Amino acid sequence: MMNSFGKTFKKLRTAQNITLQKATSNIDGLSPSRLSHWENEGGNMPLEKLDQLLYNIHVLPTEFIEQMDLRFSNPFTLKFNQAFKANNISKLYQLAIQQLKVYEQTQDDIDFFLSALGCNFYFLKTNKNIFPTSAKQKLTSILLKVNVWNHYYLTAFGNATNLLDAKTIYKISNRIIANFDQIKAGGDTNHLFALGALLNATTTLLLAYPQLAKKLLEKINKLEIPSLDHYTGLYKKFLQHLINYRFTHREQDLKLATKAIDIANFIDRPDTADEFQNILSQVLRVSK
């Protein structure tokens, strides 16, 4: 996958008449010859260096994503979504293990993030964590070192929250919030991915550590939401009622959370309704 990244980067760089030397300026450990090798389908490029390269050629990460059409074209993600929606547990396990093996062979960051996604969603269906301890340590290390929160890192975090411990989730979430102005400056796509990642983090904390979920949601409530984003507002209210329920066990909060599911169905968002129903079921299970 990273080879096609190189091709796209070269196209954007040469279109602006930016030399290899200028593109690699001030990037430690990256020479013009190594960049040329990557652009011409050789080797991999670490994501933190890709961030710096994009900055040097005046391209936003979101613009690069659009050029790659990454959001919908990855075959593993499409297969996994199909298995997840079909509740095909054995297929989910097969895909997750397969992607872990791919990463072992390639040692590619994108393959690593995809393996985390696979294990995370297998966990959602089974409550079993098959993500290796060494991989968890690597993921934690990567995310705690992020300086520029772009699509890659936001989705890597948002799609792996069930694999991390509660304090790490909370710490990373605070780093995202602290950089929210920079994230918004990256465009609407970045803005929405950041909100989605933070809501996923809150959901995970709600089940494992409700005190931290409460503190995190209070911070999220202070963040700006795009005017056309109705999903985030509904999700926040849904989580608030479930957090209240975790502390008080009031039936009224359960009824209000259920109303959010009804609203999702009413506005023709069945996927959201199913997601909320699954979260509600998990909260009821851990609250017994």
C-alpha atoms as a PDB file:
ATOM      1  CA  MET A   1       0.000   0.000   0.000  1.00  0.00           C
ATOM      2  CA  MET A   2       2.834   2.375   0.874  1.00  0.00           C
ATOM      3  CA  ASN A   3       4.203   2.054  -2.675  1.00  0.00           C
ATOM      4  CA  SER A   4       1.059   3.674  -4.076  1.00  0.00           C
ATOM      5  CA  PHE A   5       1.545   6.357  -1.401  1.00  0.00           C
ATOM      6  CA  GLY A   6       4.943   7.049  -2.909  1.00  0.00           C
ATOM      7  CA  LYS A   7       3.561   7.350  -6.419  1.00  0.00           C
ATOM      8  CA  THR A   8       0.900   9.809  -5.269  1.00  0.00           C
ATOM      9  CA  PHE A   9       3.419  11.841  -3.284  1.00  0.00           C
ATOM     10  CA  LYS A  10       5.744  12.065  -6.302  1.00  0.00           C
ATOM     11  CA  LYS A  11       2.856  13.270  -8.470  1.00  0.00           C
ATOM     12  CA  LEU A  12       2.018  16.043  -5.971  1.00  0.00           C
ATOM     13  CA  ARG A  13       5.675  17.007  -5.475  1.00  0.00           C
ATOM     14  CA  THR A  14       6.600  17.227  -9.150  1.00  0.00           C
ATOM     15  CA  ALA A  15       3.407  19.121  -9.984  1.00  0.00           C
ATOM     16  CA  GLN A  16       4.750  21.923  -7.770  1.00  0.00           C
ATOM     17  CA  ASN A  17       8.318  21.660  -9.117  1.00  0.00           C
ATOM     18  CA  ILE A  18       9.631  20.817  -5.639  1.00  0.00           C
ATOM     19  CA  THR A  19      12.967  19.021  -5.683  1.00  0.00           C
ATOM     20  CA  LEU A  20      13.809  15.901  -3.715  1.00  0.00           C
ATOM     21  CA  GLN A  21      16.313  17.952  -1.746  1.00  0.00           C
ATOM     22  CA  LYS A  22      13.715  20.548  -0.730  1.00  0.00           C
ATOM     23  CA  ALA A  23      11.107  17.902   0.103  1.00  0.00           C
ATOM     24  CA  THR A  24      13.506  16.184   2.524  1.00  0.00           C
ATOM     25  CA  SER A  25      14.966  19.331   4.067  1.00  0.00           C
ATOM     26  CA  ASN A  26      15.004  19.344   7.896  1.00  0.00           C
ATOM     27  CA  ILE A  27      13.803  15.721   8.112  1.00  0.00           C
ATOM     28  CA  ASP A  28      16.225  13.685  10.201  1.00  0.00           C
ATOM     29  CA  GLY A  29      17.252  10.350   8.737  1.00  0.00           C
ATOM     30  CA  LEU A  30      15.657  10.938   5.323  1.00  0.00           C
ATOM     31  CA  SER A  31      17.849  11.541   2.294  1.00  0.00           C
ATOM     32  CA  PRO A  32      16.748  12.586  -1.217  1.00  0.00           C
ATOM     33  CA  SER A  33      17.862   9.184  -2.533  1.00  0.00           C
ATOM     34  CA  ARG A  34      15.698   7.326   0.018  1.00  0.00           C
ATOM     35  CA  LEU A  35      12.703   9.503  -0.878  1.00  0.00           C
ATOM     36  CA  SER A  36      13.280   8.788  -4.574  1.00  0.00           C
ATOM     37  CA  HIS A  37      13.457   5.058  -3.831  1.00  0.00           C
ATOM     38  CA  TRP A  38      10.105   5.214  -1.996  1.00  0.00           C
ATOM     39  CA  GLU A  39       8.473   7.292  -4.734  1.00  0.00           C
ATOM     40  CA  ASN A  40       9.468   4.671  -7.283  1.00  0.00           C
ATOM     41  CA  GLU A  41       7.870   1.710  -5.484  1.00  0.00           C
ATOM     42  CA  GLY A  42      10.719   0.822  -3.166  1.00  0.00           C
ATOM     43  CA  GLY A  43      10.543   0.388   0.613  1.00  0.00           C
ATOM     44  CA  ASN A  44       8.265   1.985   3.198  1.00  0.00           C
ATOM     45  CA  MET A  45       7.926   5.454   4.680  1.00  0.00           C
ATOM     46  CA  PRO A  46       7.168   5.891   8.415  1.00  0.00           C
ATOM     47  CA  LEU A  47       4.005   7.907   8.953  1.00  0.00           C
ATOM     48  CA  GLU A  48       5.700  10.567  11.065  1.00  0.00           C
ATOM     49  CA  LYS A  49       8.082  11.268   8.164  1.00  0.00           C
ATOM     50  CA  LEU A  50       5.179  11.286   5.707  1.00  0.00           C
ATOM     51  CA  ASP A  51       3.588  14.042   7.819  1.00  0.00           C
ATOM     52  CA  GLN A  52       6.774  16.104   7.525  1.00  0.00           C
ATOM     53  CA  LEU A  53       7.079  15.419   3.802  1.00  0.00           C
ATOM     54  CA  LEU A  54       3.518  16.589   3.171  1.00  0.00           C
ATOM     55  CA  TYR A  55       4.236  19.763   5.125  1.00  0.00           C
ATOM     56  CA  ASN A  56       7.310  20.400   2.983  1.00  0.00           C
ATOM     57  CA  ILE A  57       5.316  20.159  -0.256  1.00  0.00           C
ATOM     58  CA  HIS A  58       2.401  22.233   1.123  1.00  0.00           C
ATOM     59  CA  VAL A  59      -0.190  19.453   1.075  1.00  0.00           C
ATOM     60  CA  LEU A  60      -2.597  18.852   3.957  1.00  0.00           C
ATOM     61  CA  PRO A  61      -2.956  15.251   5.186  1.00  0.00           C
ATOM     62  CA  THR A  62      -6.672  15.395   4.362  1.00  0.00           C
ATOM     63  CA  GLU A  63      -5.867  16.418   0.777  1.00  0.00           C
ATOM     64  CA  PHE A  64      -3.440  13.511   0.484  1.00  0.00           C
ATOM     65  CA  ILE A  65      -6.121  11.138   1.790  1.00  0.00           C
ATOM     66  CA  GLU A  66      -8.550  12.379  -0.850  1.00  0.00           C
ATOM     67  CA  GLN A  67      -5.912  11.782  -3.532  1.00  0.00           C
ATOM     68  CA  MET A  68      -5.445   8.228  -2.291  1.00  0.00           C
ATOM     69  CA  ASP A  69      -9.177   7.595  -1.791  1.00  0.00           C
ATOM     70  CA  LEU A  70      -8.144   5.631   1.320  1.00  0.00           C
ATOM     71  CA  ARG A  71     -11.327   5.870   3.288  1.00  0.00           C
ATOM     72  CA  PHE A  72     -13.295   3.468   1.143  1.00  0.00           C
ATOM     73  CA  SER A  73     -10.844   1.546  -0.996  1.00  0.00           C
ATOM     74  CA  ASN A  74      -8.955  -0.603   1.493  1.00  0.00           C
ATOM     75  CA  PRO A  75     -10.010  -4.210   0.815  1.00  0.00           C
ATOM     76  CA  PHE A  76      -9.318  -5.425   4.344  1.00  0.00           C
ATOM     77  CA  THR A  77     -11.547  -2.735   5.862  1.00  0.00           C
ATOM     78  CA  LEU A  78     -14.370  -3.559   3.455  1.00  0.00           C
ATOM     79  CA  LYS A  79     -14.147  -7.285   4.213  1.00  0.00           C
ATOM     80  CA  PHE A  80     -14.040  -6.653   7.914  1.00  0.00           C
ATOM     81  CA  ASN A  81     -17.065  -4.343   7.822  1.00  0.00           C
ATOM     82  CA  GLN A  82     -19.030  -7.008   5.983  1.00  0.00           C
ATOM     83  CA  ALA A  83     -18.114  -9.688   8.534  1.00  0.00           C
ATOM     84  CA  PHE A  84     -18.854  -7.345  11.442  1.00  0.00           C
ATOM     85  CA  LYS A  85     -22.308  -6.426  10.157  1.00  0.00           C
ATOM     86  CA  ALA A  86     -23.066 -10.088   9.450  1.00  0.00           C
ATOM     87  CA  ASN A  87     -21.975 -10.994  13.002  1.00  0.00           C
ATOM     88  CA  ASN A  88     -19.624 -13.575  11.482  1.00  0.00           C
ATOM     89  CA  ILE A  89     -17.331 -14.165  14.468  1.00  0.00           C
ATOM     90  CA  SER A  90     -15.181 -16.831  12.821  1.00  0.00           C
ATOM     91  CA  LYS A  91     -14.579 -14.587   9.798  1.00  0.00           C
ATOM     92  CA  LEU A  92     -13.665 -11.675  12.063  1.00  0.00           C
ATOM     93  CA  TYR A  93     -11.123 -13.840  13.849  1.00  0.00           C
ATOM     94  CA  GLN A  94      -9.704 -15.144  10.564  1.00  0.00           C
ATOM     95  CA  LEU A  95      -9.295 -11.627   9.158  1.00  0.00           C
ATOM     96  CA  ALA A  96      -7.727 -10.279  12.351  1.00  0.00           C
ATOM     97  CA  ILE A  97      -5.169 -13.104  12.543  1.00  0.00           C
ATOM     98  CA  GLN A  98      -4.485 -12.774   8.816  1.00  0.00           C
ATOM     99  CA  GLN A  99      -3.750  -9.070   9.177  1.00  0.00           C
ATOM    100  CA  LEU A 100      -1.466  -9.671  12.159  1.00  0.00           C
ATOM    101  CA  LYS A 101       0.531 -12.096  10.002  1.00  0.00           C
ATOM    102  CA  VAL A 102       0.684  -9.564   7.158  1.00  0.00           C
ATOM    103  CA  TYR A 103       2.150  -7.005   9.548  1.00  0.00           C
ATOM    104  CA  GLU A 104       4.701  -9.533  10.844  1.00  0.00           C
ATOM    105  CA  GLN A 105       5.936  -9.917   7.267  1.00  0.00           C
ATOM    106  CA  THR A 106       5.855  -6.276   6.131  1.00  0.00           C
ATOM    107  CA  GLN A 107       6.532  -4.366   9.382  1.00  0.00           C
ATOM    108  CA  ASP A 108       4.511  -1.620   7.677  1.00  0.00           C
ATOM    109  CA  ASP A 109       2.785   1.012   9.853  1.00  0.00           C
ATOM    110  CA  ILE A 110      -0.422   0.916   7.836  1.00  0.00           C
ATOM    111  CA  ASP A 111      -0.592  -2.868   8.136  1.00  0.00           C
ATOM    112  CA  PHE A 112       0.033  -2.486  11.863  1.00  0.00           C
ATOM    113  CA  PHE A 113      -2.888  -0.077  12.286  1.00  0.00           C
ATOM    114  CA  LEU A 114      -5.125  -2.391  10.261  1.00  0.00           C
ATOM    115  CA  SER A 115      -4.204  -5.314  12.510  1.00  0.00           C
ATOM    116  CA  ALA A 116      -5.201  -3.214  15.524  1.00  0.00           C
ATOM    117  CA  LEU A 117      -8.517  -2.371  13.867  1.00  0.00           C
ATOM    118  CA  GLY A 118      -9.202  -6.052  13.227  1.00  0.00           C
ATOM    119  CA  CYS A 119      -8.431  -7.100  16.795  1.00  0.00           C
ATOM    120  CA  ASN A 120     -10.451  -4.199  18.194  1.00  0.00           C
ATOM    121  CA  PHE A 121     -13.609  -5.106  16.323  1.00  0.00           C
ATOM    122  CA  TYR A 122     -13.187  -8.788  17.147  1.00  0.00           C
ATOM    123  CA  PHE A 123     -13.070  -7.662  20.782  1.00  0.00           C
ATOM    124  CA  LEU A 124     -16.331  -5.751  20.327  1.00  0.00           C
ATOM    125  CA  LYS A 125     -18.098  -8.951  19.312  1.00  0.00           C
ATOM    126  CA  THR A 126     -16.415 -11.382  21.726  1.00  0.00           C
ATOM    127  CA  ASN A 127     -14.874  -9.362  24.580  1.00  0.00           C
ATOM    128  CA  LYS A 128     -11.635 -11.274  23.837  1.00  0.00           C
ATOM    129  CA  ASN A 129      -8.379  -9.395  23.256  1.00  0.00           C
ATOM    130  CA  ILE A 130      -6.171 -11.192  20.719  1.00  0.00           C
ATOM    131  CA  PHE A 131      -3.876  -8.199  20.141  1.00  0.00           C
ATOM    132  CA  PRO A 132      -0.359  -9.257  21.245  1.00  0.00           C
ATOM    133  CA  THR A 133       1.127  -7.493  24.286  1.00  0.00           C
ATOM    134  CA  SER A 134       4.130  -6.336  22.259  1.00  0.00           C
ATOM    135  CA  ALA A 135       1.788  -4.812  19.658  1.00  0.00           C
ATOM    136  CA  LYS A 136      -0.175  -3.006  22.390  1.00  0.00           C
ATOM    137  CA  GLN A 137       3.068  -1.553  23.718  1.00  0.00           C
ATOM    138  CA  LYS A 138       4.063  -0.403  20.228  1.00  0.00           C
ATOM    139  CA  LEU A 139       0.653   1.162  19.558  1.00  0.00           C
ATOM    140  CA  THR A 140       0.757   2.977  22.904  1.00  0.00           C
ATOM    141  CA  SER A 141       4.255   4.275  22.183  1.00  0.00           C
ATOM    142  CA  ILE A 142       3.301   5.517  18.702  1.00  0.00           C
ATOM    143  CA  LEU A 143       0.167   7.333  19.847  1.00  0.00           C
ATOM    144  CA  LEU A 144       1.823   8.985  22.840  1.00  0.00           C
ATOM    145  CA  LYS A 145       4.490  10.457  20.539  1.00  0.00           C
ATOM    146  CA  VAL A 146       2.108  11.941  17.936  1.00  0.00           C
ATOM    147  CA  ASN A 147       2.584  15.666  17.385  1.00  0.00           C
ATOM    148  CA  VAL A 148       0.359  16.116  14.322  1.00  0.00           C
ATOM    149  CA  TRP A 149      -3.023  14.441  14.727  1.00  0.00           C
ATOM    150  CA  ASN A 150      -4.054  13.572  11.173  1.00  0.00           C
ATOM    151  CA  HIS A 151      -6.423  10.977   9.700  1.00  0.00           C
ATOM    152  CA  TYR A 152      -3.995   8.102  10.203  1.00  0.00           C
ATOM    153  CA  TYR A 153      -3.397   8.585  13.887  1.00  0.00           C
ATOM    154  CA  LEU A 154      -6.970   9.588  14.726  1.00  0.00           C
ATOM    155  CA  THR A 155      -8.377   6.470  13.104  1.00  0.00           C
ATOM    156  CA  ALA A 156      -5.588   4.324  14.550  1.00  0.00           C
ATOM    157  CA  PHE A 157      -6.612   5.487  18.030  1.00  0.00           C
ATOM    158  CA  GLY A 158     -10.368   5.528  17.457  1.00  0.00           C
ATOM    159  CA  ASN A 159     -10.319   2.011  16.025  1.00  0.00           C
ATOM    160  CA  ALA A 160      -8.181   0.538  18.809  1.00  0.00           C
ATOM    161  CA  THR A 161      -9.488   1.958  22.093  1.00  0.00           C
ATOM    162  CA  ASN A 162     -10.595  -1.459  23.363  1.00  0.00           C
ATOM    163  CA  LEU A 163      -7.013  -2.706  23.092  1.00  0.00           C
ATOM    164  CA  LEU A 164      -5.521  -0.037  25.387  1.00  0.00           C
ATOM    165  CA  ASP A 165      -5.714   0.416  29.142  1.00  0.00           C
ATOM    166  CA  ALA A 166      -8.004   3.091  30.583  1.00  0.00           C
ATOM    167  CA  LYS A 167      -5.341   5.529  31.748  1.00  0.00           C
ATOM    168  CA  THR A 168      -3.607   5.402  28.360  1.00  0.00           C
ATOM    169  CA  ILE A 169      -6.914   6.071  26.571  1.00  0.00           C
ATOM    170  CA  TYR A 170      -7.580   9.070  28.786  1.00  0.00           C
ATOM    171  CA  LYS A 171      -4.048  10.429  28.339  1.00  0.00           C
ATOM    172  CA  ILE A 172      -4.149  10.138  24.549  1.00  0.00           C
ATOM    173  CA  SER A 173      -7.640  11.691  24.446  1.00  0.00           C
ATOM    174  CA  ASN A 174      -6.338  14.697  26.382  1.00  0.00           C
ATOM    175  CA  ARG A 175      -3.492  15.081  23.881  1.00  0.00           C
ATOM    176  CA  ILE A 176      -6.034  15.163  21.041  1.00  0.00           C
ATOM    177  CA  ILE A 177      -8.138  17.757  22.867  1.00  0.00           C
ATOM    178  CA  ALA A 178      -5.053  19.887  23.568  1.00  0.00           C
ATOM    179  CA  ASN A 179      -4.321  19.906  19.803  1.00  0.00           C
ATOM    180  CA  PHE A 180      -7.902  20.448  18.689  1.00  0.00           C
ATOM    181  CA  ASP A 181      -7.296  23.842  17.063  1.00  0.00           C
ATOM    182  CA  GLN A 182      -4.575  22.288  14.893  1.00  0.00           C
ATOM    183  CA  ILE A 183      -6.875  19.368  14.090  1.00  0.00           C
ATOM    184  CA  LYS A 184      -9.697  21.684  12.988  1.00  0.00           C
ATOM    185  CA  ALA A 185      -7.262  23.617  10.814  1.00  0.00           C
ATOM    186  CA  GLY A 186      -6.651  20.337   8.956  1.00  0.00           C
ATOM    187  CA  GLY A 187     -10.194  20.454   7.563  1.00  0.00           C
ATOM    188  CA  ASP A 188     -13.649  19.041   8.266  1.00  0.00           C
ATOM    189  CA  THR A 189     -12.556  15.446   7.719  1.00  0.00           C
ATOM    190  CA  ASN A 190      -9.901  15.699  10.419  1.00  0.00           C
ATOM    191  CA  HIS A 191     -12.367  17.497  12.693  1.00  0.00           C
ATOM    192  CA  LEU A 192     -14.960  14.728  12.383  1.00  0.00           C
ATOM    193  CA  PHE A 193     -12.410  11.923  12.774  1.00  0.00           C
ATOM    194  CA  ALA A 194     -11.151  13.556  15.974  1.00  0.00           C
ATOM    195  CA  LEU A 195     -14.641  13.781  17.445  1.00  0.00           C
ATOM    196  CA  GLY A 196     -15.330  10.182  16.463  1.00  0.00           C
ATOM    197  CA  ALA A 197     -12.101   8.975  18.085  1.00  0.00           C
ATOM    198  CA  LEU A 198     -12.894  10.845  21.304  1.00  0.00           C
ATOM    199  CA  LEU A 199     -16.418   9.420  21.437  1.00  0.00           C
ATOM    200  CA  ASN A 200     -15.061   5.906  20.921  1.00  0.00           C
ATOM    201  CA  ALA A 201     -12.615   6.542  23.759  1.00  0.00           C
ATOM    202  CA  THR A 202     -15.438   7.717  26.015  1.00  0.00           C
ATOM    203  CA  THR A 203     -17.469   4.621  25.190  1.00  0.00           C
ATOM    204  CA  THR A 204     -14.588   2.325  26.117  1.00  0.00           C
ATOM    205  CA  LEU A 205     -13.983   4.196  29.369  1.00  0.00           C
ATOM    206  CA  LEU A 206     -17.703   4.091  30.137  1.00  0.00           C
ATOM    207  CA  LEU A 207     -17.475   0.311  30.338  1.00  0.00           C
ATOM    208  CA  ALA A 208     -14.107   0.001  32.070  1.00  0.00           C
ATOM    209  CA  TYR A 209     -13.625   3.195  34.077  1.00  0.00           C
ATOM    210  CA  PRO A 210     -16.776   5.409  34.224  1.00  0.00           C
ATOM    211  CA  GLN A 211     -15.065   8.074  36.350  1.00  0.00           C
ATOM    212  CA  LEU A 212     -12.677   8.815  33.486  1.00  0.00           C
ATOM    213  CA  ALA A 213     -15.526   8.625  30.954  1.00  0.00           C
ATOM    214  CA  LYS A 214     -17.361  11.326  32.892  1.00  0.00           C
ATOM    215  CA  LYS A 215     -14.299  13.587  32.984  1.00  0.00           C
ATOM    216  CA  LEU A 216     -13.570  13.054  29.292  1.00  0.00           C
ATOM    217  CA  LEU A 217     -17.127  13.760  28.151  1.00  0.00           C
ATOM    218  CA  GLU A 218     -17.119  17.013  30.120  1.00  0.00           C
ATOM    219  CA  LYS A 219     -14.098  18.084  28.049  1.00  0.00           C
ATOM    220  CA  ILE A 220     -15.624  16.901  24.773  1.00  0.00           C
ATOM    221  CA  ASN A 221     -18.754  18.938  25.500  1.00  0.00           C
ATOM    222  CA  LYS A 222     -16.618  22.078  25.311  1.00  0.00           C
ATOM    223  CA  LEU A 223     -15.340  21.293  21.794  1.00  0.00           C
ATOM    224  CA  GLU A 224     -16.835  22.824  18.670  1.00  0.00           C
ATOM    225  CA  ILE A 225     -19.006  20.541  16.527  1.00  0.00           C
ATOM    226  CA  PRO A 226     -19.485  21.215  12.778  1.00  0.00           C
ATOM    227  CA  SER A 227     -22.935  22.685  12.145  1.00  0.00           C
ATOM    228  CA  LEU A 228     -24.016  19.804   9.888  1.00  0.00           C
ATOM    229  CA  ASP A 229     -22.776  17.102  12.254  1.00  0.00           C
ATOM    230  CA  HIS A 230     -25.906  15.800  13.993  1.00  0.00           C
ATOM    231  CA  TYR A 231     -24.326  12.456  14.854  1.00  0.00           C
ATOM    232  CA  THR A 232     -21.875  13.816  17.439  1.00  0.00           C
ATOM    233  CA  GLY A 233     -24.547  15.711  19.374  1.00  0.00           C
ATOM    234  CA  LEU A 234     -26.799  12.669  19.552  1.00  0.00           C
ATOM    235  CA  TYR A 235     -23.906  10.400  20.526  1.00  0.00           C
ATOM    236  CA  LYS A 236     -22.834  12.776  23.326  1.00  0.00           C
ATOM    237  CA  LYS A 237     -26.327  12.867  24.834  1.00  0.00           C
ATOM    238  CA  PHE A 238     -26.601   9.099  24.585  1.00  0.00           C
ATOM    239  CA  LEU A 239     -23.288   8.654  26.411  1.00  0.00           C
ATOM    240  CA  GLN A 240     -24.249  11.216  29.046  1.00  0.00           C
ATOM    241  CA  HIS A 241     -27.359   9.258  29.991  1.00  0.00           C
ATOM    242  CA  LEU A 242     -25.380   6.021  30.161  1.00  0.00           C
ATOM    243  CA  ILE A 243     -22.683   7.640  32.316  1.00  0.00           C
ATOM    244  CA  ASN A 244     -25.407   8.888  34.646  1.00  0.00           C
ATOM    245  CA  TYR A 245     -26.819   5.381  34.789  1.00  0.00           C
ATOM    246  CA  ARG A 246     -23.424   3.879  35.663  1.00  0.00           C
ATOM    247  CA  PHE A 247     -23.332   6.084  38.764  1.00  0.00           C
ATOM    248  CA  THR A 248     -27.008   6.201  39.809  1.00  0.00           C
ATOM    249  CA  HIS A 249     -28.760   3.166  38.190  1.00  0.00           C
ATOM    250  CA  ARG A 250     -31.787   5.383  37.550  1.00  0.00           C
ATOM    251  CA  GLU A 251     -34.255   3.862  35.129  1.00  0.00           C
ATOM    252  CA  GLN A 252     -34.979   7.322  33.718  1.00  0.00           C
ATOM    253  CA  ASP A 253     -31.471   7.482  32.268  1.00  0.00           C
ATOM    254  CA  LEU A 254     -31.977   4.126  30.555  1.00  0.00           C
ATOM    255  CA  LYS A 255     -35.227   5.359  29.050  1.00  0.00           C
ATOM    256  CA  LEU A 256     -33.546   8.517  27.733  1.00  0.00           C
ATOM    257  CA  ALA A 257     -30.677   6.472  26.258  1.00  0.00           C
ATOM    258  CA  THR A 258     -33.246   4.258  24.542  1.00  0.00           C
ATOM    259  CA  LYS A 259     -34.884   7.374  23.089  1.00  0.00           C
ATOM    260  CA  ALA A 260     -31.572   8.204  21.405  1.00  0.00           C
ATOM    261  CA  ILE A 261     -31.758   4.808  19.689  1.00  0.00           C
ATOM    262  CA  ASP A 262     -35.316   5.588  18.582  1.00  0.00           C
ATOM    263  CA  ILE A 263     -34.168   8.943  17.202  1.00  0.00           C
ATOM    264  CA  ALA A 264     -31.367   7.286  15.227  1.00  0.00           C
ATOM    265  CA  ASN A 265     -33.901   4.948  13.641  1.00  0.00           C
ATOM    266  CA  PHE A 266     -36.287   7.847  12.990  1.00  0.00           C
ATOM    267  CA  ILE A 267     -33.665   9.850  11.078  1.00  0.00           C
ATOM    268  CA  ASP A 268     -32.830   6.758   9.013  1.00  0.00           C
ATOM    269  CA  ARG A 269     -29.512   5.915  10.692  1.00  0.00           C
ATOM    270  CA  PRO A 270     -29.914   2.174  11.364  1.00  0.00           C
ATOM    271  CA  ASP A 271     -26.149   1.667  11.729  1.00  0.00           C
ATOM    272  CA  THR A 272     -26.079   4.281  14.487  1.00  0.00           C
ATOM    273  CA  ALA A 273     -29.098   2.701  16.161  1.00  0.00           C
ATOM    274  CA  ASP A 274     -27.399  -0.715  16.093  1.00  0.00           C
ATOM    275  CA  GLU A 275     -24.185   0.788  17.476  1.00  0.00           C
ATOM    276  CA  PHE A 276     -26.078   2.474  20.323  1.00  0.00           C
ATOM    277  CA  GLN A 277     -28.012  -0.698  21.086  1.00  0.00           C
ATOM    278  CA  ASN A 278     -24.776  -2.668  21.312  1.00  0.00           C
ATOM    279  CA  ILE A 279     -23.276  -0.096  23.709  1.00  0.00           C
ATOM    280  CA  LEU A 280     -26.434  -0.106  25.834  1.00  0.00           C
ATOM    281  CA  SER A 281     -26.330  -3.906  26.071  1.00  0.00           C
ATOM    282  CA  GLN A 282     -22.691  -3.791  27.202  1.00  0.00           C
ATOM    283  CA  VAL A 283     -23.468  -1.167  29.843  1.00  0.00           C
ATOM    284  CA  LEU A 284     -26.279  -3.293  31.208  1.00  0.00           C
ATOM    285  CA  ARG A 285     -23.936  -6.294  31.301  1.00  0.00           C
ATOM    286  CA  VAL A 286     -21.155  -4.538  33.243  1.00  0.00           C
ATOM    287  CA  SER A 287     -23.623  -2.767  35.556  1.00  0.00           C
ATOM    288  CA  LYS A 288     -25.087  -5.975  37.012  1.00  0.00           C
END
